Amino acid sequence: MVRAQLEPARAGASLLVAAGRYAIFHAGRECGEERWQIESTVTGLVVTGEHVIELPHPIPGRQAWRATLTPEWRVTGLEIQWSVAQRRLHAIHAADGARWRGRFDYAGQVREQQGDYPDLCEVDYVSPLFHTFFLARRDFALGGEHEFPVLRIGPPWMAVSPERMRVRCVERGPAETPHGPVEARRYRVSLPPLGEAEGTTFWADRRGIVLETHDGPEPSALAMKLIEYTGPPLGGLDGGG
């Protein structure tokens, strides 16, 4: 996982862990991108991204976001600036111990939200990096699965919808990367009680870097694909599993 590549940062400094760019697709056509970077600090990780969607996507817009994580890759905060046409929304999420609090400001209207955030809980957002975060906290053998509570954050208020998520490792094989094919693992994501047929799938390398995501349970409807990458070499899987 990416966690194995972390180095301690000096006080007041940050170290680049990885950076990259995902292409975004809709109905088989490229319609945007997400640029991102992961930095290590003395207190944990800071991850920033800019998610831009253009036509022919039905809802073009821009999301600039910043997440904070512990050294163990647990999400502790997420700030989002979302713009669609002339509309602007600012959402601030933060963990407060075992509680999660959100504040949303749109056109002068402010809403707040709070709920439980137990240790096993994860956060899910539009970026594939949030899959990387929960992979970094779990080990998967081929055929293995984990089920856990998840806070899903998305439009229209970028508020939380609490769910349960099941992730299962279903395949091991080659996947394309910006630096050529590597051995990777494919995972299926579902939201019980809905089955895998209603879920999605993605490929990730052994460090948990997501290489591509697909709408649906099979790798046929491409949603996002890693097309630029800087960081520890994308590589083969560890032995076993």
Protein backbone atom coordinates (compact mmCIF):
# COMPACT_ATOMS: atom_id res chain seq x y z
CA MET A 1 0.00 0.00 0.00
CA VAL A 2 0.99 3.67 -0.31
CA ARG A 3 1.44 3.75 3.48
CA ALA A 4 4.70 1.80 3.09
CA GLN A 5 6.19 4.72 1.15
CA LEU A 6 5.69 7.38 3.82
CA GLU A 7 8.71 9.18 5.24
CA PRO A 8 8.61 11.48 8.27
CA ALA A 9 8.46 15.15 7.37
CA ARG A 10 10.46 17.78 9.18
CA ALA A 11 8.65 20.29 11.37
CA GLY A 12 6.89 22.86 9.20
CA ALA A 13 7.66 20.96 5.99
CA SER A 14 5.81 18.51 3.76
CA LEU A 15 6.99 15.71 1.51
CA LEU A 16 5.34 14.72 -1.75
CA VAL A 17 4.08 11.12 -1.57
CA ALA A 18 2.45 10.94 -5.00
CA ALA A 19 0.69 13.10 -7.60
CA GLY A 20 -1.29 12.41 -10.72
CA ARG A 21 -4.15 13.10 -13.07
CA TYR A 22 -7.29 11.11 -13.81
CA ALA A 23 -9.25 11.48 -17.04
CA ILE A 24 -13.02 11.48 -16.51
CA PHE A 25 -15.44 9.77 -18.93
CA HIS A 26 -19.18 9.85 -19.51
CA ALA A 27 -20.98 7.51 -21.94
CA GLY A 28 -17.63 6.50 -23.42
CA ARG A 29 -16.39 10.05 -24.07
CA GLU A 30 -13.70 11.94 -22.17
CA CYS A 31 -15.27 14.95 -20.47
CA GLY A 32 -12.91 16.19 -17.77
CA GLU A 33 -10.05 15.49 -15.41
CA GLU A 34 -8.97 15.40 -11.80
CA ARG A 35 -5.49 16.57 -10.77
CA TRP A 36 -4.33 15.58 -7.29
CA GLN A 37 -1.39 15.28 -4.93
CA ILE A 38 -0.70 13.54 -1.61
CA GLU A 39 1.72 15.15 0.85
CA SER A 40 3.12 13.83 4.12
CA THR A 41 3.38 16.24 7.07
CA VAL A 42 4.45 15.88 10.70
CA THR A 43 0.81 15.30 11.69
CA GLY A 44 -0.31 13.03 8.87
CA LEU A 45 -1.34 13.53 5.26
CA VAL A 46 -2.77 16.41 3.26
CA VAL A 47 -4.42 15.52 -0.05
CA THR A 48 -5.61 18.14 -2.53
CA GLY A 49 -7.44 17.80 -5.81
CA GLU A 50 -9.33 19.66 -8.52
CA HIS A 51 -12.12 17.76 -10.23
CA VAL A 52 -13.33 19.45 -13.45
CA ILE A 53 -16.19 18.08 -15.55
CA GLU A 54 -17.13 19.48 -18.97
CA LEU A 55 -19.70 18.76 -21.66
CA PRO A 56 -20.98 16.26 -22.78
CA HIS A 57 -21.42 15.39 -19.10
CA PRO A 58 -24.96 16.43 -18.07
CA ILE A 59 -23.72 18.36 -15.00
CA PRO A 60 -20.47 20.17 -15.87
CA GLY A 61 -18.77 21.84 -12.94
CA ARG A 62 -15.65 22.17 -10.81
CA GLN A 63 -14.81 20.79 -7.39
CA ALA A 64 -11.67 21.93 -5.57
CA TRP A 65 -11.12 19.85 -2.46
CA ARG A 66 -8.67 19.30 0.40
CA ALA A 67 -8.62 16.31 2.75
CA THR A 68 -6.61 15.67 5.90
CA LEU A 69 -5.73 12.18 7.13
CA THR A 70 -3.89 10.61 10.05
CA PRO A 71 -0.60 8.76 9.43
CA GLU A 72 -2.78 5.60 9.40
CA TRP A 73 -4.84 6.99 6.46
CA ARG A 74 -8.01 7.74 8.43
CA VAL A 75 -9.82 10.78 6.99
CA THR A 76 -10.13 13.58 9.56
CA GLY A 77 -11.44 16.41 7.38
CA LEU A 78 -12.67 17.37 3.93
CA GLU A 79 -13.25 20.86 2.52
CA ILE A 80 -15.01 21.30 -0.85
CA GLN A 81 -15.54 24.32 -3.09
CA TRP A 82 -18.10 23.30 -5.74
CA SER A 83 -19.19 25.52 -8.62
CA VAL A 84 -21.81 24.77 -11.29
CA ALA A 85 -22.55 27.63 -13.72
CA GLN A 86 -23.03 30.66 -11.43
CA ARG A 87 -23.79 28.62 -8.32
CA ARG A 88 -21.20 28.19 -5.57
CA LEU A 89 -21.20 25.89 -2.56
CA HIS A 90 -18.66 25.64 0.27
CA ALA A 91 -18.71 22.53 2.45
CA ILE A 92 -16.49 21.87 5.48
CA HIS A 93 -16.38 18.42 7.08
CA ALA A 94 -14.30 17.47 10.12
CA ALA A 95 -13.95 14.60 12.55
CA ASP A 96 -14.37 15.42 16.23
CA GLY A 97 -13.32 12.25 17.99
CA ALA A 98 -16.00 9.68 17.20
CA ARG A 99 -18.31 12.31 15.70
CA TRP A 100 -18.38 13.79 12.18
CA ARG A 101 -19.58 17.35 11.65
CA GLY A 102 -20.42 19.14 8.43
CA ARG A 103 -21.25 22.73 7.56
CA PHE A 104 -22.62 23.78 4.15
CA ASP A 105 -22.89 27.32 2.82
CA TYR A 106 -24.84 27.92 -0.40
CA ALA A 107 -26.22 31.28 -1.56
CA GLY A 108 -26.26 32.59 1.99
CA GLN A 109 -28.02 29.53 3.34
CA VAL A 110 -26.11 27.60 5.97
CA ARG A 111 -26.87 24.06 7.07
CA GLU A 112 -25.12 21.83 9.56
CA GLN A 113 -24.97 18.10 10.07
CA GLN A 114 -23.41 15.70 12.54
CA GLY A 115 -23.33 11.99 13.23
CA ASP A 116 -21.26 9.04 14.37
CA TYR A 117 -17.80 8.36 12.96
CA PRO A 118 -16.53 5.11 14.52
CA ASP A 119 -12.96 3.96 13.89
CA LEU A 120 -13.94 1.42 11.20
CA CYS A 121 -15.92 4.03 9.27
CA GLU A 122 -14.62 5.42 5.95
CA VAL A 123 -15.37 8.51 3.86
CA ASP A 124 -16.38 8.23 0.19
CA TYR A 125 -16.23 11.17 -2.23
CA VAL A 126 -15.96 11.70 -6.02
CA SER A 127 -12.19 11.11 -6.20
CA PRO A 128 -10.81 7.56 -6.66
CA LEU A 129 -8.25 8.49 -3.99
CA PHE A 130 -10.89 7.82 -1.34
CA HIS A 131 -10.75 4.17 -2.43
CA THR A 132 -6.98 4.37 -1.97
CA PHE A 133 -7.55 5.62 1.58
CA PHE A 134 -9.67 2.66 2.68
CA LEU A 135 -7.43 0.15 0.89
CA ALA A 136 -4.50 1.54 2.90
CA ARG A 137 -6.30 0.53 6.12
CA ARG A 138 -7.15 -3.03 5.03
CA ASP A 139 -5.53 -6.12 3.56
CA PHE A 140 -7.26 -8.01 0.75
CA ALA A 141 -6.43 -11.47 -0.54
CA LEU A 142 -7.92 -12.59 -3.83
CA GLY A 143 -11.55 -13.37 -3.06
CA GLY A 144 -11.37 -11.56 0.27
CA GLU A 145 -13.86 -8.89 1.28
CA HIS A 146 -14.44 -6.23 3.92
CA GLU A 147 -17.69 -4.56 4.93
CA PHE A 148 -17.74 -1.33 6.91
CA PRO A 149 -19.80 1.83 7.57
CA VAL A 150 -19.12 4.70 5.18
CA LEU A 151 -19.99 8.40 5.02
CA ARG A 152 -20.79 9.13 1.37
CA ILE A 153 -20.42 12.81 0.48
CA GLY A 154 -21.90 14.31 -2.66
CA PRO A 155 -24.35 16.75 -4.30
CA PRO A 156 -26.50 18.69 -4.01
CA TRP A 157 -25.25 19.90 -0.59
CA MET A 158 -22.04 17.84 -0.39
CA ALA A 159 -23.66 16.46 2.75
CA VAL A 160 -23.24 13.00 4.27
CA SER A 161 -25.35 9.97 3.47
CA PRO A 162 -24.44 7.17 5.90
CA GLU A 163 -24.32 3.73 4.28
CA ARG A 164 -22.63 0.38 4.56
CA MET A 165 -20.05 -0.55 1.94
CA ARG A 166 -18.77 -3.95 0.89
CA VAL A 167 -15.51 -4.24 -1.05
CA ARG A 168 -14.43 -7.57 -2.54
CA CYS A 169 -11.23 -8.43 -4.41
CA VAL A 170 -12.41 -10.37 -7.45
CA GLU A 171 -9.49 -10.54 -9.88
CA ARG A 172 -5.74 -10.34 -10.19
CA GLY A 173 -4.11 -9.48 -13.49
CA PRO A 174 -2.54 -6.83 -15.72
CA ALA A 175 -3.83 -3.25 -15.83
CA GLU A 176 -2.68 -0.31 -17.92
CA THR A 177 -0.90 2.63 -16.25
CA PRO A 178 0.81 5.80 -17.54
CA HIS A 179 4.08 3.83 -17.32
CA GLY A 180 2.92 0.63 -19.01
CA PRO A 181 1.04 -2.47 -17.82
CA VAL A 182 1.50 -3.70 -14.24
CA GLU A 183 0.01 -6.46 -12.13
CA ALA A 184 -3.00 -5.17 -10.22
CA ARG A 185 -6.13 -6.24 -8.42
CA ARG A 186 -9.75 -5.56 -9.30
CA TYR A 187 -12.30 -4.80 -6.60
CA ARG A 188 -16.09 -4.64 -6.62
CA VAL A 189 -17.86 -2.06 -4.47
CA SER A 190 -21.47 -2.47 -3.36
CA LEU A 191 -23.81 -0.89 -0.81
CA PRO A 192 -25.69 -3.60 1.14
CA PRO A 193 -28.45 -4.62 1.03
CA LEU A 194 -27.94 -3.92 -2.70
CA GLY A 195 -25.87 -6.60 -4.41
CA GLU A 196 -22.76 -6.33 -6.56
CA ALA A 197 -24.86 -6.08 -9.72
CA GLU A 198 -25.88 -2.59 -8.53
CA GLY A 199 -22.33 -1.53 -7.66
CA THR A 200 -19.10 -0.47 -9.34
CA THR A 201 -15.63 -1.87 -9.93
CA PHE A 202 -12.07 -0.54 -9.98
CA TRP A 203 -8.45 -1.62 -10.53
CA ALA A 204 -5.66 -0.68 -8.09
CA ASP A 205 -1.98 -1.53 -7.85
CA ARG A 206 -0.47 -3.20 -4.78
CA ARG A 207 0.03 0.16 -3.04
CA GLY A 208 -3.64 0.98 -3.39
CA ILE A 209 -3.28 3.61 -6.13
CA VAL A 210 -6.48 3.37 -8.15
CA LEU A 211 -5.68 2.92 -11.84
CA GLU A 212 -9.21 3.07 -13.28
CA THR A 213 -12.84 2.96 -12.18
CA HIS A 214 -15.91 1.67 -14.00
CA ASP A 215 -19.64 2.20 -13.65
CA GLY A 216 -21.21 -1.20 -13.04
CA PRO A 217 -19.73 -4.46 -11.68
CA GLU A 218 -17.61 -5.26 -14.76
CA PRO A 219 -14.75 -3.24 -16.34
CA SER A 220 -16.76 -2.15 -19.36
CA ALA A 221 -18.08 1.39 -18.71
CA LEU A 222 -14.96 3.45 -17.99
CA ALA A 223 -15.53 6.29 -15.51
CA MET A 224 -12.03 7.49 -14.57
CA LYS A 225 -8.53 6.47 -15.65
CA LEU A 226 -5.09 7.40 -14.32
CA ILE A 227 -3.20 9.07 -17.18
CA GLU A 228 -0.38 10.87 -15.33
CA TYR A 229 1.49 9.75 -12.24
CA THR A 230 4.51 10.79 -10.15
CA GLY A 231 5.57 8.84 -7.10
CA PRO A 232 6.74 5.38 -6.02
CA PRO A 233 6.77 3.07 -9.04
CA LEU A 234 3.44 1.48 -9.90
CA GLY A 235 4.25 -2.18 -9.63
CA GLY A 236 3.34 -5.81 -9.27
CA LEU A 237 1.51 -7.45 -6.43
CA ASP A 238 3.16 -8.91 -3.36
CA GLY A 239 3.41 -12.67 -3.29
CA GLY A 240 0.47 -14.78 -2.16
CA GLY A 241 -3.17 -13.75 -2.11
